[in-house]
Amino acid sequence: MTNLLIASNIILWIALVVLAIIVFALVRQIGVLYERVAPAGALSINKQLKVGDGAPSIDAINLMNKQKMHIGGKPESGKCQLLFFVSPTCPMCKSLIPIAKSISREEQSWVDLVFATDGASEEIDSFIKRQKLEKANVVNSELVGKAFGVAKLPYAVLIDENGTLQAMGIVNSREHIESLFNVKETGYASLQEYMQKNFA
């Protein structure tokens, strides 16, 4: 009986050591994979414009103060401008609006956030109330979307203080939005650019 107990303890210790080695190997492999995975940047799909181009310059009415607002071109504020294209009928847009507002508050020292949409005035007014955008910059203009080549939503465009397109693409998560803000730090305007430069 004693011999059986000793043998079972030895087997358990061997199993424990083997399990510890397997876990260590898996943790190491996860670390290697993490280093190789590209950052989850915004997916850049735009056949009309490309990063580095001068941003189209358009005047639109800011629905919040009913005053003319300059979209694109060289921003009058001297800050970067983030255009966030949304729609009342886009479920993903509704979930990302609070995130965009939160990030823009954190980065307000160097970037201005502008929500761009198009549709019937009554529908947009209701959308603004539901999404609590009364204090945000909101423009209702189909021309803005066409000028920036927006085909799918939600879509975001970052324009630098000189009026140059820094980054743009479809955004489906907080990480995508943050990737636009991180362009100045990383130098990569899109996921595709990262992949081309590092894995070509």
C-alpha atoms as a PDB file:
ATOM      1  CA  MET A   1       0.000   0.000   0.000  1.00  0.00           C
ATOM      2  CA  THR A   2       2.831   2.360   0.900  1.00  0.00           C
ATOM      3  CA  ASN A   3       4.621   1.572  -2.363  1.00  0.00           C
ATOM      4  CA  LEU A   4       1.432   2.411  -4.321  1.00  0.00           C
ATOM      5  CA  LEU A   5       1.115   5.768  -2.538  1.00  0.00           C
ATOM      6  CA  ILE A   6       4.761   6.636  -3.232  1.00  0.00           C
ATOM      7  CA  ALA A   7       4.390   5.658  -6.905  1.00  0.00           C
ATOM      8  CA  SER A   8       1.238   7.786  -7.317  1.00  0.00           C
ATOM      9  CA  ASN A   9       2.987  10.798  -5.731  1.00  0.00           C
ATOM     10  CA  ILE A  10       5.935  10.401  -8.093  1.00  0.00           C
ATOM     11  CA  ILE A  11       3.600  10.204 -11.091  1.00  0.00           C
ATOM     12  CA  LEU A  12       1.725  13.323  -9.922  1.00  0.00           C
ATOM     13  CA  TRP A  13       4.973  15.279  -9.512  1.00  0.00           C
ATOM     14  CA  ILE A  14       6.158  14.225 -12.964  1.00  0.00           C
ATOM     15  CA  ALA A  15       2.763  15.278 -14.438  1.00  0.00           C
ATOM     16  CA  LEU A  16       3.010  18.627 -12.631  1.00  0.00           C
ATOM     17  CA  VAL A  17       6.511  19.300 -13.981  1.00  0.00           C
ATOM     18  CA  VAL A  18       5.437  18.351 -17.532  1.00  0.00           C
ATOM     19  CA  LEU A  19       2.366  20.632 -17.240  1.00  0.00           C
ATOM     20  CA  ALA A  20       4.531  23.525 -16.004  1.00  0.00           C
ATOM     21  CA  ILE A  21       6.870  23.093 -18.997  1.00  0.00           C
ATOM     22  CA  ILE A  22       3.913  23.067 -21.419  1.00  0.00           C
ATOM     23  CA  VAL A  23       2.421  26.234 -19.859  1.00  0.00           C
ATOM     24  CA  PHE A  24       5.803  27.998 -20.046  1.00  0.00           C
ATOM     25  CA  ALA A  25       6.145  27.023 -23.725  1.00  0.00           C
ATOM     26  CA  LEU A  26       2.627  28.302 -24.496  1.00  0.00           C
ATOM     27  CA  VAL A  27       3.223  31.615 -22.712  1.00  0.00           C
ATOM     28  CA  ARG A  28       6.455  32.086 -24.669  1.00  0.00           C
ATOM     29  CA  GLN A  29       4.682  31.293 -27.955  1.00  0.00           C
ATOM     30  CA  ILE A  30       1.899  33.785 -27.158  1.00  0.00           C
ATOM     31  CA  GLY A  31       4.553  36.437 -26.564  1.00  0.00           C
ATOM     32  CA  VAL A  32       6.151  35.703 -29.948  1.00  0.00           C
ATOM     33  CA  LEU A  33       2.755  35.886 -31.686  1.00  0.00           C
ATOM     34  CA  TYR A  34       1.928  39.151 -29.918  1.00  0.00           C
ATOM     35  CA  GLU A  35       5.119  40.735 -31.281  1.00  0.00           C
ATOM     36  CA  ARG A  36       4.351  39.577 -34.826  1.00  0.00           C
ATOM     37  CA  VAL A  37       0.712  40.663 -34.959  1.00  0.00           C
ATOM     38  CA  ALA A  38       0.188  43.996 -36.710  1.00  0.00           C
ATOM     39  CA  PRO A  39      -1.524  46.810 -34.793  1.00  0.00           C
ATOM     40  CA  ALA A  40      -5.284  46.980 -35.247  1.00  0.00           C
ATOM     41  CA  GLY A  41      -5.359  50.199 -37.194  1.00  0.00           C
ATOM     42  CA  ALA A  42      -8.246  51.671 -39.118  1.00  0.00           C
ATOM     43  CA  LEU A  43      -8.831  49.943 -42.444  1.00  0.00           C
ATOM     44  CA  SER A  44      -8.074  52.469 -45.151  1.00  0.00           C
ATOM     45  CA  ILE A  45     -10.383  52.097 -48.150  1.00  0.00           C
ATOM     46  CA  ASN A  46     -10.530  55.193 -50.315  1.00  0.00           C
ATOM     47  CA  LYS A  47     -10.078  55.300 -54.076  1.00  0.00           C
ATOM     48  CA  GLN A  48     -10.533  59.069 -54.248  1.00  0.00           C
ATOM     49  CA  LEU A  49      -7.949  60.344 -51.745  1.00  0.00           C
ATOM     50  CA  LYS A  50      -4.764  59.039 -50.195  1.00  0.00           C
ATOM     51  CA  VAL A  51      -2.739  59.859 -47.098  1.00  0.00           C
ATOM     52  CA  GLY A  52      -0.421  62.786 -47.761  1.00  0.00           C
ATOM     53  CA  ASP A  53      -2.868  64.581 -50.059  1.00  0.00           C
ATOM     54  CA  GLY A  54      -4.194  67.996 -49.190  1.00  0.00           C
ATOM     55  CA  ALA A  55      -7.610  67.681 -47.542  1.00  0.00           C
ATOM     56  CA  PRO A  56     -10.593  68.977 -49.546  1.00  0.00           C
ATOM     57  CA  SER A  57     -11.780  72.350 -48.255  1.00  0.00           C
ATOM     58  CA  ILE A  58     -15.535  72.777 -47.692  1.00  0.00           C
ATOM     59  CA  ASP A  59     -17.725  75.196 -45.750  1.00  0.00           C
ATOM     60  CA  ALA A  60     -20.709  73.747 -43.909  1.00  0.00           C
ATOM     61  CA  ILE A  61     -23.112  74.874 -41.190  1.00  0.00           C
ATOM     62  CA  ASN A  62     -22.397  73.717 -37.648  1.00  0.00           C
ATOM     63  CA  LEU A  63     -25.811  72.542 -36.422  1.00  0.00           C
ATOM     64  CA  MET A  64     -24.974  73.382 -32.831  1.00  0.00           C
ATOM     65  CA  ASN A  65     -24.427  77.120 -33.233  1.00  0.00           C
ATOM     66  CA  LYS A  66     -25.840  77.596 -36.778  1.00  0.00           C
ATOM     67  CA  GLN A  67     -22.581  79.230 -37.857  1.00  0.00           C
ATOM     68  CA  LYS A  68     -20.422  78.491 -40.878  1.00  0.00           C
ATOM     69  CA  MET A  69     -17.721  75.935 -40.170  1.00  0.00           C
ATOM     70  CA  HIS A  70     -14.649  75.223 -42.251  1.00  0.00           C
ATOM     71  CA  ILE A  71     -14.186  71.499 -42.939  1.00  0.00           C
ATOM     72  CA  GLY A  72     -10.865  70.230 -44.250  1.00  0.00           C
ATOM     73  CA  GLY A  73      -8.172  72.379 -45.752  1.00  0.00           C
ATOM     74  CA  LYS A  74      -5.926  74.083 -43.226  1.00  0.00           C
ATOM     75  CA  PRO A  75      -7.877  74.223 -39.931  1.00  0.00           C
ATOM     76  CA  GLU A  76      -8.456  77.773 -38.671  1.00  0.00           C
ATOM     77  CA  SER A  77      -7.891  76.686 -35.053  1.00  0.00           C
ATOM     78  CA  GLY A  78      -4.329  75.593 -35.750  1.00  0.00           C
ATOM     79  CA  LYS A  79      -5.211  72.146 -34.417  1.00  0.00           C
ATOM     80  CA  CYS A  80      -5.667  68.859 -36.230  1.00  0.00           C
ATOM     81  CA  GLN A  81      -9.229  68.029 -37.268  1.00  0.00           C
ATOM     82  CA  LEU A  82     -10.844  64.603 -36.904  1.00  0.00           C
ATOM     83  CA  LEU A  83     -13.885  64.079 -39.110  1.00  0.00           C
ATOM     84  CA  PHE A  84     -16.098  61.269 -37.870  1.00  0.00           C
ATOM     85  CA  PHE A  85     -18.705  60.243 -40.443  1.00  0.00           C
ATOM     86  CA  VAL A  86     -21.857  58.778 -38.883  1.00  0.00           C
ATOM     87  CA  SER A  87     -25.498  58.095 -39.696  1.00  0.00           C
ATOM     88  CA  PRO A  88     -28.702  57.722 -37.649  1.00  0.00           C
ATOM     89  CA  THR A  89     -29.272  54.350 -39.336  1.00  0.00           C
ATOM     90  CA  CYS A  90     -25.820  52.930 -38.544  1.00  0.00           C
ATOM     91  CA  PRO A  91     -25.831  50.768 -35.359  1.00  0.00           C
ATOM     92  CA  MET A  92     -22.023  50.688 -35.142  1.00  0.00           C
ATOM     93  CA  CYS A  93     -21.893  54.495 -35.357  1.00  0.00           C
ATOM     94  CA  LYS A  94     -24.159  54.815 -32.318  1.00  0.00           C
ATOM     95  CA  SER A  95     -21.896  52.613 -30.210  1.00  0.00           C
ATOM     96  CA  LEU A  96     -18.719  54.457 -31.287  1.00  0.00           C
ATOM     97  CA  ILE A  97     -19.924  58.038 -30.812  1.00  0.00           C
ATOM     98  CA  PRO A  98     -19.417  58.023 -26.999  1.00  0.00           C
ATOM     99  CA  ILE A  99     -15.953  56.529 -27.508  1.00  0.00           C
ATOM    100  CA  ALA A 100     -15.025  59.189 -30.087  1.00  0.00           C
ATOM    101  CA  LYS A 101     -16.229  61.941 -27.725  1.00  0.00           C
ATOM    102  CA  SER A 102     -14.240  60.467 -24.834  1.00  0.00           C
ATOM    103  CA  ILE A 103     -11.019  60.172 -26.841  1.00  0.00           C
ATOM    104  CA  SER A 104     -11.400  63.679 -28.293  1.00  0.00           C
ATOM    105  CA  ARG A 105     -11.779  65.130 -24.778  1.00  0.00           C
ATOM    106  CA  GLU A 106      -8.494  63.482 -23.824  1.00  0.00           C
ATOM    107  CA  GLU A 107      -6.785  64.867 -26.947  1.00  0.00           C
ATOM    108  CA  GLN A 108      -8.559  68.252 -27.140  1.00  0.00           C
ATOM    109  CA  SER A 109      -5.305  70.182 -26.754  1.00  0.00           C
ATOM    110  CA  TRP A 110      -4.318  69.313 -30.327  1.00  0.00           C
ATOM    111  CA  VAL A 111      -7.392  67.973 -32.155  1.00  0.00           C
ATOM    112  CA  ASP A 112     -10.954  69.128 -32.900  1.00  0.00           C
ATOM    113  CA  LEU A 113     -13.651  66.486 -33.434  1.00  0.00           C
ATOM    114  CA  VAL A 114     -16.354  67.067 -36.050  1.00  0.00           C
ATOM    115  CA  PHE A 115     -19.262  64.688 -36.615  1.00  0.00           C
ATOM    116  CA  ALA A 116     -20.369  64.638 -40.262  1.00  0.00           C
ATOM    117  CA  THR A 117     -23.669  63.162 -41.402  1.00  0.00           C
ATOM    118  CA  ASP A 118     -26.354  63.684 -44.020  1.00  0.00           C
ATOM    119  CA  GLY A 119     -30.093  63.218 -44.018  1.00  0.00           C
ATOM    120  CA  ALA A 120     -33.412  64.883 -43.296  1.00  0.00           C
ATOM    121  CA  SER A 121     -33.179  67.705 -40.744  1.00  0.00           C
ATOM    122  CA  GLU A 122     -35.819  66.174 -38.435  1.00  0.00           C
ATOM    123  CA  GLU A 123     -34.020  62.821 -38.408  1.00  0.00           C
ATOM    124  CA  ILE A 124     -30.650  64.430 -37.699  1.00  0.00           C
ATOM    125  CA  ASP A 125     -32.074  66.626 -34.918  1.00  0.00           C
ATOM    126  CA  SER A 126     -33.542  63.546 -33.233  1.00  0.00           C
ATOM    127  CA  PHE A 127     -30.234  61.705 -33.693  1.00  0.00           C
ATOM    128  CA  ILE A 128     -28.314  64.559 -32.051  1.00  0.00           C
ATOM    129  CA  LYS A 129     -30.607  64.464 -29.009  1.00  0.00           C
ATOM    130  CA  ARG A 130     -30.440  60.682 -28.657  1.00  0.00           C
ATOM    131  CA  GLN A 131     -26.642  60.673 -28.921  1.00  0.00           C
ATOM    132  CA  LYS A 132     -26.216  63.765 -26.712  1.00  0.00           C
ATOM    133  CA  LEU A 133     -24.273  65.697 -29.336  1.00  0.00           C
ATOM    134  CA  GLU A 134     -25.653  69.114 -28.389  1.00  0.00           C
ATOM    135  CA  LYS A 135     -22.182  70.347 -27.355  1.00  0.00           C
ATOM    136  CA  ALA A 136     -20.321  68.701 -30.243  1.00  0.00           C
ATOM    137  CA  ASN A 137     -19.496  70.022 -33.706  1.00  0.00           C
ATOM    138  CA  VAL A 138     -22.014  68.450 -36.115  1.00  0.00           C
ATOM    139  CA  VAL A 139     -22.481  69.141 -39.828  1.00  0.00           C
ATOM    140  CA  ASN A 140     -25.262  67.780 -42.016  1.00  0.00           C
ATOM    141  CA  SER A 141     -23.877  67.783 -45.553  1.00  0.00           C
ATOM    142  CA  GLU A 142     -23.829  65.157 -48.279  1.00  0.00           C
ATOM    143  CA  LEU A 143     -21.125  67.195 -50.024  1.00  0.00           C
ATOM    144  CA  VAL A 144     -18.637  66.616 -47.174  1.00  0.00           C
ATOM    145  CA  GLY A 145     -18.988  62.835 -47.449  1.00  0.00           C
ATOM    146  CA  LYS A 146     -18.588  62.918 -51.226  1.00  0.00           C
ATOM    147  CA  ALA A 147     -15.553  65.214 -51.066  1.00  0.00           C
ATOM    148  CA  PHE A 148     -13.757  62.777 -48.745  1.00  0.00           C
ATOM    149  CA  GLY A 149     -14.767  59.683 -50.727  1.00  0.00           C
ATOM    150  CA  VAL A 150     -16.728  58.090 -47.885  1.00  0.00           C
ATOM    151  CA  ALA A 151     -18.460  54.913 -49.049  1.00  0.00           C
ATOM    152  CA  LYS A 152     -18.997  52.953 -45.812  1.00  0.00           C
ATOM    153  CA  LEU A 153     -19.677  53.946 -42.217  1.00  0.00           C
ATOM    154  CA  PRO A 154     -18.427  54.549 -39.611  1.00  0.00           C
ATOM    155  CA  TYR A 155     -15.519  56.337 -41.266  1.00  0.00           C
ATOM    156  CA  ALA A 156     -12.955  58.739 -39.848  1.00  0.00           C
ATOM    157  CA  VAL A 157     -10.436  61.158 -41.357  1.00  0.00           C
ATOM    158  CA  LEU A 158      -7.579  62.875 -39.516  1.00  0.00           C
ATOM    159  CA  ILE A 159      -6.353  66.158 -41.011  1.00  0.00           C
ATOM    160  CA  ASP A 160      -3.202  67.715 -39.583  1.00  0.00           C
ATOM    161  CA  GLU A 161      -2.676  71.362 -38.688  1.00  0.00           C
ATOM    162  CA  ASN A 162      -1.323  72.038 -42.196  1.00  0.00           C
ATOM    163  CA  GLY A 163      -4.391  70.651 -43.960  1.00  0.00           C
ATOM    164  CA  THR A 164      -2.781  67.338 -44.977  1.00  0.00           C
ATOM    165  CA  LEU A 165      -4.578  64.003 -44.731  1.00  0.00           C
ATOM    166  CA  GLN A 166      -2.756  62.104 -41.983  1.00  0.00           C
ATOM    167  CA  ALA A 167      -4.958  59.006 -41.691  1.00  0.00           C
ATOM    168  CA  MET A 168      -8.371  57.746 -42.733  1.00  0.00           C
ATOM    169  CA  GLY A 169     -10.395  54.596 -42.799  1.00  0.00           C
ATOM    170  CA  ILE A 170     -13.336  52.557 -41.605  1.00  0.00           C
ATOM    171  CA  VAL A 171     -13.412  52.424 -37.804  1.00  0.00           C
ATOM    172  CA  ASN A 172     -15.237  49.653 -35.942  1.00  0.00           C
ATOM    173  CA  SER A 173     -13.697  49.819 -32.476  1.00  0.00           C
ATOM    174  CA  ARG A 174     -11.964  52.054 -29.935  1.00  0.00           C
ATOM    175  CA  GLU A 175      -8.614  50.688 -31.131  1.00  0.00           C
ATOM    176  CA  HIS A 176      -9.350  51.830 -34.687  1.00  0.00           C
ATOM    177  CA  ILE A 177     -10.175  55.353 -33.523  1.00  0.00           C
ATOM    178  CA  GLU A 178      -7.085  55.500 -31.313  1.00  0.00           C
ATOM    179  CA  SER A 179      -4.939  54.293 -34.211  1.00  0.00           C
ATOM    180  CA  LEU A 180      -5.852  57.493 -36.081  1.00  0.00           C
ATOM    181  CA  PHE A 181      -4.701  59.576 -33.116  1.00  0.00           C
ATOM    182  CA  ASN A 182      -1.471  57.577 -32.878  1.00  0.00           C
ATOM    183  CA  VAL A 183      -0.431  58.323 -36.459  1.00  0.00           C
ATOM    184  CA  LYS A 184       1.932  61.103 -35.393  1.00  0.00           C
ATOM    185  CA  GLU A 185       3.661  58.763 -32.928  1.00  0.00           C
ATOM    186  CA  THR A 186       3.935  55.631 -35.067  1.00  0.00           C
ATOM    187  CA  GLY A 187       4.228  57.103 -38.544  1.00  0.00           C
ATOM    188  CA  TYR A 188       1.859  54.446 -39.928  1.00  0.00           C
ATOM    189  CA  ALA A 189      -1.319  55.872 -41.422  1.00  0.00           C
ATOM    190  CA  SER A 190      -3.058  52.532 -41.893  1.00  0.00           C
ATOM    191  CA  LEU A 191      -2.859  48.827 -41.205  1.00  0.00           C
ATOM    192  CA  GLN A 192      -1.974  48.243 -44.852  1.00  0.00           C
ATOM    193  CA  GLU A 193       0.992  50.631 -44.659  1.00  0.00           C
ATOM    194  CA  TYR A 194       2.291  48.840 -41.540  1.00  0.00           C
ATOM    195  CA  MET A 195       2.034  45.463 -43.277  1.00  0.00           C
ATOM    196  CA  GLN A 196       3.731  46.685 -46.455  1.00  0.00           C
ATOM    197  CA  LYS A 197       6.682  48.251 -44.657  1.00  0.00           C
ATOM    198  CA  ASN A 198       7.247  45.447 -42.148  1.00  0.00           C
ATOM    199  CA  PHE A 199       6.230  42.268 -43.971  1.00  0.00           C
ATOM    200  CA  ALA A 200       6.865  43.030 -47.650  1.00  0.00           C
END
